[in-house]
Amino acid sequence: MQIKTMLQFEAFLKTRIPTREALFVGNLGLQRAKYFMRALGNPQNKIKVIHIAGTSGKGSTAYLTSHLLQSQGFRVGLFISPHIFDIRERMQIDNKLPTKKLILKYFNQILPTILQMEKCRYGMPTYFEILVGLAYYIFAQEKMDYGVIETGLGGRLDGTNTVTNKNKICILTKIGLDHTEILGNTLVKIASEKAGIIGKQQIVISNQPASSADRSSVTSNQVITTKCREKNATLYLIKPRKNYRLIASTQAGTFFDFTCAVDSSELSSETMLKFKNIKLNLLGSYQVENCALALTCLSILSKRDKFPISEKKLRSTLQKISIPGRMEIRKKAKGFFIIDGAHNPQKMTAFITSLKLIFPDQNFDFILAFKKGKDFKRILKKILPLANHVFLTSFSTSNQADHWSSVNNAEIINYFKKEKFKNFSTIKNNEAAIFTTIQSSKKSVILTGSLYLIGSVYKYLKNSF
């Protein structure tokens, strides 16, 4: 069997999208991923991995870490999910899409292994597991200095969680209540799953708050600290005011100070980096937290792997970086068009807070759809105070690791009626309808609620504004 085109490649992957029942099969899925990696020669252990888990900010932190490492002259592989406009986003090389020729070359090399696994006790790998394996394989074959790997869902049982090298660095971004039907209904349970990426004697960087948002006696921070002790891992805690301080969040960028004076397992402190008035091209005050994690990782790697940091190249990179679907602002005929993939209450809170900073005393038109299973009522509570009009749309995925569809708009309309919110209407999810809605609005328009919604129209809108 030979795959000759990207269309054939994606068609094959679609045959490996699991059913809802087979999507989250616990330890069986991780065992299958480990078997797959062993069959490929364990490529994940042939590169230095930065492994990132969390509820909010892990995608942005992955992009930032990858760009910062590249700015210092390293070759970097980046794995993220889901993709927005091209499946090759999931296995970037030096922050660029790999060529189609390269993807097909390496996929055909691992395809016999994939097909042979049909006969093993675990069965063939899934869509997600194949792409994770392909990414690790490409990064090893192309001799990447570092691989920045974003987990899919959770951490402990995630298909990315196969790295056993002690040189892996784990980054844990903010943990919140999301995917509760799979990961658990408390922050402690979710933190336990996310902290499952921590291995023996590895380095861990975290920015969890000291207090618990769900009022439990145990905090996410304590769960991570306990896991680090169990694994004899070194924990670096990042704290606001001590490590980073927001100066301003504007349309021109986000400005902040950063100091890498971190507490290692709460025992010692050492200053490694200190930068004043960094300009970050990414908009949103929450991006300062993500960037602080990435800068801390760079600082630790600089010391461990013995390389100097060029402040000039670092600043230049942060001033230019952009990430698809993360608070992108574009001009339109009247006002702005803003794209942001906030898809849970924690992310939406951060997005709305930043929106108020950048556009004080303004309201907006929103184009929304939410993935089934999301707490859309809590998300809408954040949105409605700023909403002039809400346009409800929908989506259904067929080109991602699983089949997702949006919440039925009738459920959202019933919620609007209970909240006595009347300024809403529905529009079809097609490029022309959304484009016309954006252009005809006299207000600034925000497309948000799901990365899957954004992905369904992103390529068209990117070229239209």
Protein backbone atom coordinates (compact mmCIF):
# COMPACT_ATOMS: atom_id res chain seq x y z
CA MET A 1 0.00 0.00 0.00
CA GLN A 2 1.38 3.41 -0.99
CA ILE A 3 -0.10 6.80 -0.11
CA LYS A 4 0.69 9.23 -2.93
CA THR A 5 -1.31 12.39 -2.14
CA MET A 6 -2.36 14.40 0.91
CA LEU A 7 -5.98 13.65 0.02
CA GLN A 8 -5.23 9.93 0.30
CA PHE A 9 -3.32 10.58 3.54
CA GLU A 10 -6.25 12.40 5.12
CA ALA A 11 -8.74 9.85 3.78
CA PHE A 12 -6.76 7.07 5.45
CA LEU A 13 -6.69 8.98 8.74
CA LYS A 14 -10.47 9.43 8.62
CA THR A 15 -10.84 5.65 8.63
CA ARG A 16 -9.03 5.68 11.96
CA ILE A 17 -11.35 8.14 13.74
CA PRO A 18 -12.70 6.05 16.63
CA THR A 19 -16.35 5.74 17.59
CA ARG A 20 -17.52 7.61 20.68
CA GLU A 21 -17.36 4.35 22.67
CA ALA A 22 -13.78 3.64 21.54
CA LEU A 23 -12.52 7.21 21.85
CA PHE A 24 -11.47 7.19 25.52
CA VAL A 25 -10.58 3.63 26.45
CA GLY A 26 -8.35 4.42 29.42
CA ASN A 27 -5.06 2.60 29.80
CA LEU A 28 -5.66 0.50 26.66
CA GLY A 29 -5.17 3.58 24.48
CA LEU A 30 -1.89 4.50 26.19
CA GLN A 31 -0.65 0.92 25.93
CA ARG A 32 -1.43 0.97 22.22
CA ALA A 33 0.46 4.26 21.81
CA LYS A 34 3.48 2.82 23.66
CA TYR A 35 3.39 -0.33 21.51
CA PHE A 36 3.26 1.84 18.38
CA MET A 37 6.24 3.91 19.54
CA ARG A 38 8.28 0.79 20.35
CA ALA A 39 7.50 -0.59 16.89
CA LEU A 40 8.83 2.67 15.38
CA GLY A 41 12.04 2.48 17.43
CA ASN A 42 10.90 4.88 20.18
CA PRO A 43 11.58 8.11 18.22
CA GLN A 44 10.11 10.16 21.09
CA ASN A 45 13.17 9.30 23.17
CA LYS A 46 15.63 10.43 20.48
CA ILE A 47 14.82 14.14 20.89
CA LYS A 48 14.64 16.51 23.86
CA VAL A 49 10.94 16.94 24.58
CA ILE A 50 9.05 19.80 26.18
CA HIS A 51 5.68 18.28 27.07
CA ILE A 52 2.80 20.66 27.75
CA ALA A 53 -0.51 19.89 29.49
CA GLY A 54 -3.20 22.05 31.06
CA THR A 55 -6.72 23.35 30.56
CA SER A 56 -6.02 26.84 29.28
CA GLY A 57 -3.01 28.24 27.44
CA LYS A 58 -1.21 25.03 26.48
CA GLY A 59 -1.44 25.70 22.74
CA SER A 60 -0.16 29.27 23.07
CA THR A 61 2.58 28.15 25.47
CA ALA A 62 3.64 25.48 22.97
CA TYR A 63 3.87 28.03 20.14
CA LEU A 64 5.78 30.49 22.33
CA THR A 65 8.24 27.86 23.56
CA SER A 66 8.86 26.62 20.03
CA HIS A 67 9.46 30.12 18.63
CA LEU A 68 11.76 31.10 21.50
CA LEU A 69 13.90 28.00 21.02
CA GLN A 70 14.09 28.61 17.28
CA SER A 71 15.11 32.23 17.92
CA GLN A 72 18.22 30.90 19.67
CA GLY A 73 19.29 28.92 16.63
CA PHE A 74 17.78 25.51 17.41
CA ARG A 75 15.81 23.22 15.12
CA VAL A 76 12.41 22.69 16.71
CA GLY A 77 9.53 20.32 16.06
CA LEU A 78 6.07 21.45 17.21
CA PHE A 79 3.05 19.18 17.69
CA ILE A 80 -0.30 20.83 18.44
CA SER A 81 -3.96 19.81 18.25
CA PRO A 82 -6.50 20.42 16.92
CA HIS A 83 -5.35 22.00 13.69
CA ILE A 84 -7.09 25.12 12.41
CA PHE A 85 -6.54 25.31 8.66
CA ASP A 86 -4.12 22.53 7.66
CA ILE A 87 -3.40 19.12 9.14
CA ARG A 88 0.33 19.84 8.81
CA GLU A 89 0.01 22.30 11.72
CA ARG A 90 0.23 19.21 13.94
CA MET A 91 3.85 18.48 12.99
CA GLN A 92 5.58 21.77 12.28
CA ILE A 93 9.30 22.05 11.63
CA ASP A 94 10.95 25.28 12.71
CA ASN A 95 7.47 26.78 13.09
CA LYS A 96 6.57 26.21 9.46
CA LEU A 97 4.33 23.64 7.81
CA PRO A 98 6.39 20.71 6.55
CA THR A 99 6.16 20.08 2.81
CA LYS A 100 3.55 17.64 1.59
CA LYS A 101 6.36 15.60 0.05
CA LEU A 102 8.07 15.24 3.42
CA ILE A 103 4.83 14.21 5.18
CA LEU A 104 4.10 11.54 2.56
CA LYS A 105 7.68 10.27 2.60
CA TYR A 106 7.70 9.60 6.32
CA PHE A 107 4.10 8.44 6.53
CA ASN A 108 4.79 5.73 3.95
CA GLN A 109 7.76 4.65 6.03
CA ILE A 110 5.58 4.06 9.12
CA LEU A 111 2.48 2.81 7.27
CA PRO A 112 3.54 -0.88 7.29
CA THR A 113 3.84 -0.69 11.09
CA ILE A 114 0.37 0.86 11.36
CA LEU A 115 -1.17 -1.85 9.18
CA GLN A 116 0.65 -4.66 10.98
CA MET A 117 -0.79 -3.49 14.31
CA GLU A 118 -4.26 -4.55 13.18
CA LYS A 119 -3.19 -8.08 14.14
CA CYS A 120 -1.82 -7.20 17.57
CA ARG A 121 -3.78 -7.26 20.83
CA TYR A 122 -4.24 -3.47 20.84
CA GLY A 123 -5.40 -3.04 17.26
CA MET A 124 -4.38 -0.30 14.84
CA PRO A 125 -3.62 3.16 16.26
CA THR A 126 -6.24 5.89 16.06
CA TYR A 127 -6.16 9.11 14.02
CA PHE A 128 -4.60 11.01 16.93
CA GLU A 129 -2.11 8.29 17.82
CA ILE A 130 -0.95 8.01 14.19
CA LEU A 131 -0.32 11.76 13.98
CA VAL A 132 1.52 11.77 17.32
CA GLY A 133 3.67 8.85 16.17
CA LEU A 134 4.29 10.49 12.79
CA ALA A 135 5.30 13.76 14.47
CA TYR A 136 7.76 12.05 16.81
CA TYR A 137 9.14 10.00 13.90
CA ILE A 138 9.60 13.07 11.68
CA PHE A 139 11.24 15.08 14.46
CA ALA A 140 13.70 12.26 15.14
CA GLN A 141 14.45 11.61 11.46
CA GLU A 142 14.92 15.32 10.76
CA LYS A 143 17.17 15.58 13.82
CA MET A 144 15.26 18.28 15.69
CA ASP A 145 17.13 19.67 18.69
CA TYR A 146 13.87 19.94 20.63
CA GLY A 147 10.31 18.71 20.24
CA VAL A 148 7.55 20.84 21.77
CA ILE A 149 4.56 18.56 22.29
CA GLU A 150 1.06 19.69 23.32
CA THR A 151 -1.11 17.00 24.88
CA GLY A 152 -4.49 16.27 23.36
CA LEU A 153 -6.84 15.73 26.30
CA GLY A 154 -5.70 15.14 29.85
CA GLY A 155 -2.15 13.91 30.20
CA ARG A 156 -1.77 10.65 32.09
CA LEU A 157 -3.44 8.54 29.39
CA ASP A 158 -2.76 10.87 26.46
CA GLY A 159 -1.28 9.45 23.27
CA THR A 160 1.66 11.88 23.57
CA ASN A 161 2.64 10.52 27.00
CA THR A 162 5.21 7.96 25.90
CA VAL A 163 8.47 9.83 26.60
CA THR A 164 10.60 8.18 29.28
CA ASN A 165 13.79 10.25 29.01
CA LYS A 166 14.78 12.10 32.17
CA ASN A 167 15.61 15.13 30.03
CA LYS A 168 11.93 15.77 29.28
CA ILE A 169 10.60 19.07 30.62
CA CYS A 170 6.93 19.20 31.63
CA ILE A 171 4.97 22.46 31.52
CA LEU A 172 1.60 22.58 33.27
CA THR A 173 -0.54 25.57 32.31
CA LYS A 174 -3.62 26.77 34.21
CA ILE A 175 -5.95 23.93 35.19
CA GLY A 176 -9.72 24.42 35.18
CA LEU A 177 -13.00 22.54 34.89
CA ASP A 178 -13.23 21.21 31.34
CA HIS A 179 -13.85 17.76 29.85
CA THR A 180 -15.25 16.86 33.28
CA GLU A 181 -17.12 13.82 31.92
CA ILE A 182 -13.72 12.29 31.05
CA LEU A 183 -11.17 13.82 33.42
CA GLY A 184 -13.29 14.22 36.58
CA ASN A 185 -15.56 16.87 38.05
CA THR A 186 -13.11 18.57 40.43
CA LEU A 187 -9.89 20.49 39.90
CA VAL A 188 -8.05 17.92 42.01
CA LYS A 189 -9.12 15.04 39.76
CA ILE A 190 -8.29 17.01 36.61
CA ALA A 191 -4.94 18.13 38.03
CA SER A 192 -4.12 14.48 38.78
CA GLU A 193 -4.73 13.59 35.13
CA LYS A 194 -2.71 16.53 33.81
CA ALA A 195 0.16 15.83 36.23
CA GLY A 196 0.29 12.31 34.81
CA ILE A 197 2.81 13.54 32.21
CA ILE A 198 5.43 13.95 34.95
CA GLY A 199 8.10 11.25 34.83
CA LYS A 200 11.00 10.24 37.05
CA GLN A 201 13.57 12.97 37.73
CA GLN A 202 12.12 15.30 35.11
CA ILE A 203 11.83 19.09 35.34
CA VAL A 204 8.35 20.54 35.85
CA ILE A 205 7.26 24.17 35.33
CA SER A 206 3.84 25.23 36.63
CA ASN A 207 1.86 28.39 37.25
CA GLN A 208 -0.99 27.04 39.37
CA PRO A 209 -2.45 29.45 41.97
CA ALA A 210 -1.98 28.71 45.65
CA SER A 211 -5.73 28.76 46.39
CA SER A 212 -8.32 26.41 44.93
CA ALA A 213 -11.02 27.76 42.61
CA ASP A 214 -13.45 24.95 43.47
CA ARG A 215 -13.06 25.47 47.25
CA SER A 216 -11.58 22.05 47.84
CA SER A 217 -9.14 21.51 50.68
CA VAL A 218 -6.49 20.33 48.21
CA THR A 219 -5.29 22.62 45.41
CA SER A 220 -4.07 21.82 41.91
CA ASN A 221 -0.71 23.16 43.06
CA GLN A 222 -0.58 20.63 45.89
CA VAL A 223 -1.50 17.77 43.55
CA ILE A 224 1.38 18.70 41.23
CA THR A 225 3.80 19.18 44.14
CA THR A 226 2.91 15.74 45.50
CA LYS A 227 3.38 14.12 42.08
CA CYS A 228 6.81 15.76 41.75
CA ARG A 229 7.86 14.36 45.11
CA GLU A 230 6.67 10.89 44.09
CA LYS A 231 8.68 11.08 40.88
CA ASN A 232 11.68 12.88 42.40
CA ALA A 233 11.03 15.62 39.83
CA THR A 234 12.19 19.23 40.18
CA LEU A 235 9.31 21.71 40.33
CA TYR A 236 9.61 25.36 39.28
CA LEU A 237 6.63 27.51 40.29
CA ILE A 238 5.87 30.68 38.34
CA LYS A 239 4.09 33.43 40.24
CA PRO A 240 2.54 36.78 39.25
CA ARG A 241 4.36 39.90 40.46
CA LYS A 242 7.39 37.80 41.38
CA ASN A 243 8.05 36.42 37.87
CA TYR A 244 5.93 38.58 35.58
CA ARG A 245 4.11 41.89 35.72
CA LEU A 246 1.66 43.20 33.11
CA ILE A 247 2.44 46.76 32.02
CA ALA A 248 -0.21 47.28 29.35
CA SER A 249 -2.55 45.33 27.08
CA THR A 250 -3.37 47.27 23.91
CA GLN A 251 -4.19 46.77 20.22
CA ALA A 252 -0.50 47.31 19.51
CA GLY A 253 0.59 44.41 21.71
CA THR A 254 1.02 43.18 25.26
CA PHE A 255 3.79 44.68 27.39
CA PHE A 256 5.26 43.11 30.53
CA ASP A 257 8.32 42.64 32.74
CA PHE A 258 9.77 39.17 33.35
CA THR A 259 12.15 37.78 35.95
CA CYS A 260 13.15 34.14 36.08
CA ALA A 261 13.58 33.90 39.83
CA VAL A 262 11.71 30.67 40.47
CA ASP A 263 11.23 28.52 43.54
CA SER A 264 12.57 25.06 42.84
CA SER A 265 10.35 22.71 44.87
CA GLU A 266 9.82 25.68 47.21
CA LEU A 267 13.36 25.24 48.56
CA SER A 268 15.69 27.56 46.70
CA SER A 269 15.62 30.57 44.43
CA GLU A 270 17.95 31.61 41.64
CA THR A 271 17.69 34.48 39.18
CA MET A 272 18.58 33.47 35.63
CA LEU A 273 16.83 35.97 33.34
CA LYS A 274 15.47 39.45 33.80
CA PHE A 275 13.88 41.50 31.03
CA LYS A 276 12.08 44.83 31.28
CA ASN A 277 9.25 46.01 29.06
CA ILE A 278 8.96 43.02 26.73
CA LYS A 279 6.62 43.61 23.82
CA LEU A 280 4.57 40.55 22.89
CA ASN A 281 2.70 40.64 19.59
CA LEU A 282 0.04 38.29 21.00
CA LEU A 283 -2.92 40.21 22.39
CA GLY A 284 -4.52 39.47 25.74
CA SER A 285 -3.20 39.89 29.26
CA TYR A 286 -3.41 36.13 29.80
CA GLN A 287 -0.68 35.63 27.20
CA VAL A 288 1.79 37.09 29.70
CA GLU A 289 1.33 33.98 31.89
CA ASN A 290 1.89 31.70 28.90
CA CYS A 291 4.96 33.65 27.80
CA ALA A 292 6.38 33.54 31.34
CA LEU A 293 6.16 29.74 31.26
CA ALA A 294 7.92 29.65 27.88
CA LEU A 295 10.64 32.08 29.01
CA THR A 296 11.22 30.07 32.17
CA CYS A 297 11.59 26.93 30.08
CA LEU A 298 14.11 28.68 27.84
CA SER A 299 16.06 29.88 30.87
CA ILE A 300 16.19 26.42 32.44
CA LEU A 301 17.26 24.84 29.15
CA SER A 302 19.94 27.51 28.72
CA LYS A 303 21.45 26.52 32.04
CA ARG A 304 20.97 22.76 31.64
CA ASP A 305 22.05 22.48 27.99
CA LYS A 306 24.68 25.20 28.29
CA PHE A 307 23.77 27.76 25.63
CA PRO A 308 23.69 31.57 25.87
CA ILE A 309 20.45 33.47 25.30
CA SER A 310 20.39 36.31 22.77
CA GLU A 311 18.09 38.95 24.22
CA LYS A 312 17.94 40.77 20.88
CA LYS A 313 16.70 37.68 19.02
CA LEU A 314 14.32 36.82 21.85
CA ARG A 315 12.70 40.25 21.83
CA SER A 316 12.50 40.32 18.04
CA THR A 317 10.73 36.96 17.98
CA LEU A 318 8.16 37.91 20.61
CA GLN A 319 7.40 41.15 18.76
CA LYS A 320 6.53 39.20 15.59
CA ILE A 321 4.87 36.01 16.78
CA SER A 322 1.27 35.27 15.83
CA ILE A 323 -0.88 32.20 16.55
CA PRO A 324 -3.92 31.20 14.46
CA GLY A 325 -7.19 31.65 16.33
CA ARG A 326 -5.77 33.38 19.39
CA MET A 327 -7.21 36.90 19.71
CA GLU A 328 -6.49 37.86 16.13
CA ILE A 329 -7.75 41.35 15.32
CA ARG A 330 -8.42 42.43 11.75
CA LYS A 331 -9.85 45.63 10.32
CA LYS A 332 -13.19 45.59 8.52
CA ALA A 333 -15.39 48.27 6.96
CA LYS A 334 -16.72 49.36 10.35
CA GLY A 335 -14.75 48.42 13.42
CA PHE A 336 -12.81 45.20 13.87
CA PHE A 337 -13.21 41.48 13.29
CA ILE A 338 -11.78 39.44 16.15
CA ILE A 339 -11.09 35.68 16.14
CA ASP A 340 -10.49 33.80 19.38
CA GLY A 341 -10.82 30.09 20.16
CA ALA A 342 -11.98 30.45 23.80
CA HIS A 343 -14.03 27.30 24.40
CA ASN A 344 -14.44 26.88 28.15
CA PRO A 345 -15.41 29.21 31.03
CA GLN A 346 -11.81 29.73 32.14
CA LYS A 347 -10.62 30.68 28.65
CA MET A 348 -13.65 32.89 28.04
CA THR A 349 -13.12 34.73 31.33
CA ALA A 350 -9.53 35.49 30.33
CA PHE A 351 -10.59 36.54 26.83
CA ILE A 352 -13.38 38.87 28.02
CA THR A 353 -11.09 40.41 30.67
CA SER A 354 -8.52 41.23 27.97
CA LEU A 355 -11.22 42.47 25.62
CA LYS A 356 -12.32 45.01 28.22
CA LEU A 357 -8.74 46.20 28.65
CA ILE A 358 -8.16 46.66 24.94
CA PHE A 359 -11.64 47.98 24.05
CA PRO A 360 -12.98 49.68 27.20
CA ASP A 361 -16.69 50.57 27.32
CA GLN A 362 -17.53 48.81 24.05
CA ASN A 363 -19.97 46.08 23.13
CA PHE A 364 -19.78 43.68 20.21
CA ASP A 365 -21.64 41.39 17.88
CA PHE A 366 -20.74 37.73 18.49
CA ILE A 367 -20.80 34.76 16.13
CA LEU A 368 -20.93 31.64 18.31
CA ALA A 369 -21.08 27.87 18.34
CA PHE A 370 -20.06 25.53 21.14
CA LYS A 371 -18.94 21.92 21.05
CA LYS A 372 -21.40 19.46 22.57
CA GLY A 373 -20.54 18.77 26.18
CA LYS A 374 -19.22 22.26 26.89
CA ASP A 375 -20.69 24.31 29.75
CA PHE A 376 -22.10 26.87 27.31
CA LYS A 377 -24.27 28.54 29.96
CA ARG A 378 -21.25 29.55 32.05
CA ILE A 379 -19.45 30.69 28.89
CA LEU A 380 -22.44 32.81 27.82
CA LYS A 381 -22.64 34.44 31.25
CA LYS A 382 -19.27 36.00 30.44
CA ILE A 383 -20.27 37.00 26.90
CA LEU A 384 -23.78 38.46 27.26
CA PRO A 385 -22.84 41.62 29.23
CA LEU A 386 -20.73 42.69 26.21
CA ALA A 387 -23.10 41.41 23.52
CA ASN A 388 -24.96 43.81 21.25
CA HIS A 389 -26.21 40.91 19.10
CA VAL A 390 -25.45 37.19 19.03
CA PHE A 391 -25.45 35.21 15.79
CA LEU A 392 -25.74 31.50 16.50
CA THR A 393 -24.23 29.12 13.99
CA SER A 394 -23.10 25.45 14.04
CA PHE A 395 -20.35 23.04 13.00
CA SER A 396 -19.66 19.36 12.50
CA THR A 397 -16.12 18.02 12.15
CA SER A 398 -14.94 15.25 9.85
CA ASN A 399 -11.24 16.12 9.57
CA GLN A 400 -10.10 15.96 13.18
CA ALA A 401 -9.16 13.20 15.62
CA ASP A 402 -12.80 12.58 16.52
CA HIS A 403 -16.30 13.46 15.36
CA TRP A 404 -17.55 16.59 17.10
CA SER A 405 -20.68 18.61 16.48
CA SER A 406 -22.03 21.76 18.06
CA VAL A 407 -24.66 22.28 20.73
CA ASN A 408 -28.15 22.42 19.26
CA ASN A 409 -29.06 26.10 18.92
CA ALA A 410 -32.51 25.39 20.39
CA GLU A 411 -30.82 24.73 23.75
CA ILE A 412 -29.01 28.05 23.57
CA ILE A 413 -32.16 29.91 22.54
CA ASN A 414 -34.00 28.46 25.55
CA TYR A 415 -31.21 29.77 27.74
CA PHE A 416 -31.46 33.21 26.12
CA LYS A 417 -35.19 33.29 26.84
CA LYS A 418 -34.59 32.47 30.51
CA GLU A 419 -32.01 35.25 30.66
CA LYS A 420 -34.39 37.60 28.81
CA PHE A 421 -31.78 38.19 26.11
CA LYS A 422 -33.57 39.00 22.85
CA ASN A 423 -30.89 40.21 20.46
CA PHE A 424 -30.04 36.97 18.70
CA SER A 425 -30.52 35.23 15.38
CA THR A 426 -29.19 32.13 13.63
CA ILE A 427 -27.00 31.93 10.53
CA LYS A 428 -25.72 29.01 8.50
CA ASN A 429 -22.12 27.94 8.88
CA ASN A 430 -20.93 28.66 5.40
CA GLU A 431 -18.24 31.06 4.33
CA ALA A 432 -20.56 33.48 2.52
CA ALA A 433 -23.07 33.77 5.39
CA ILE A 434 -20.41 34.40 8.02
CA PHE A 435 -18.48 36.81 5.79
CA THR A 436 -21.66 38.79 5.02
CA THR A 437 -22.58 38.92 8.71
CA ILE A 438 -19.16 40.27 9.65
CA GLN A 439 -19.05 42.87 6.88
CA SER A 440 -22.60 44.13 7.32
CA SER A 441 -22.36 44.61 11.08
CA LYS A 442 -21.92 48.18 12.27
CA LYS A 443 -20.19 46.85 15.38
CA SER A 444 -16.93 45.03 15.85
CA VAL A 445 -17.59 41.30 15.44
CA ILE A 446 -16.14 38.42 17.46
CA LEU A 447 -16.00 34.83 16.21
CA THR A 448 -15.51 32.56 19.22
CA GLY A 449 -16.74 29.57 21.23
CA SER A 450 -14.79 26.75 19.61
CA LEU A 451 -11.57 26.11 17.73
CA TYR A 452 -13.60 23.71 15.57
CA LEU A 453 -15.91 26.58 14.56
CA ILE A 454 -12.92 28.75 13.74
CA GLY A 455 -11.26 25.94 11.81
CA SER A 456 -14.32 25.43 9.64
CA VAL A 457 -14.06 28.93 8.11
CA TYR A 458 -10.58 30.15 9.05
CA LYS A 459 -8.82 29.75 5.71
CA TYR A 460 -11.55 31.69 3.90
CA LEU A 461 -11.74 34.49 6.47
CA LYS A 462 -7.95 34.75 6.70
CA ASN A 463 -7.83 35.56 3.00
CA SER A 464 -10.83 37.93 3.15
CA PHE A 465 -9.67 40.42 5.80
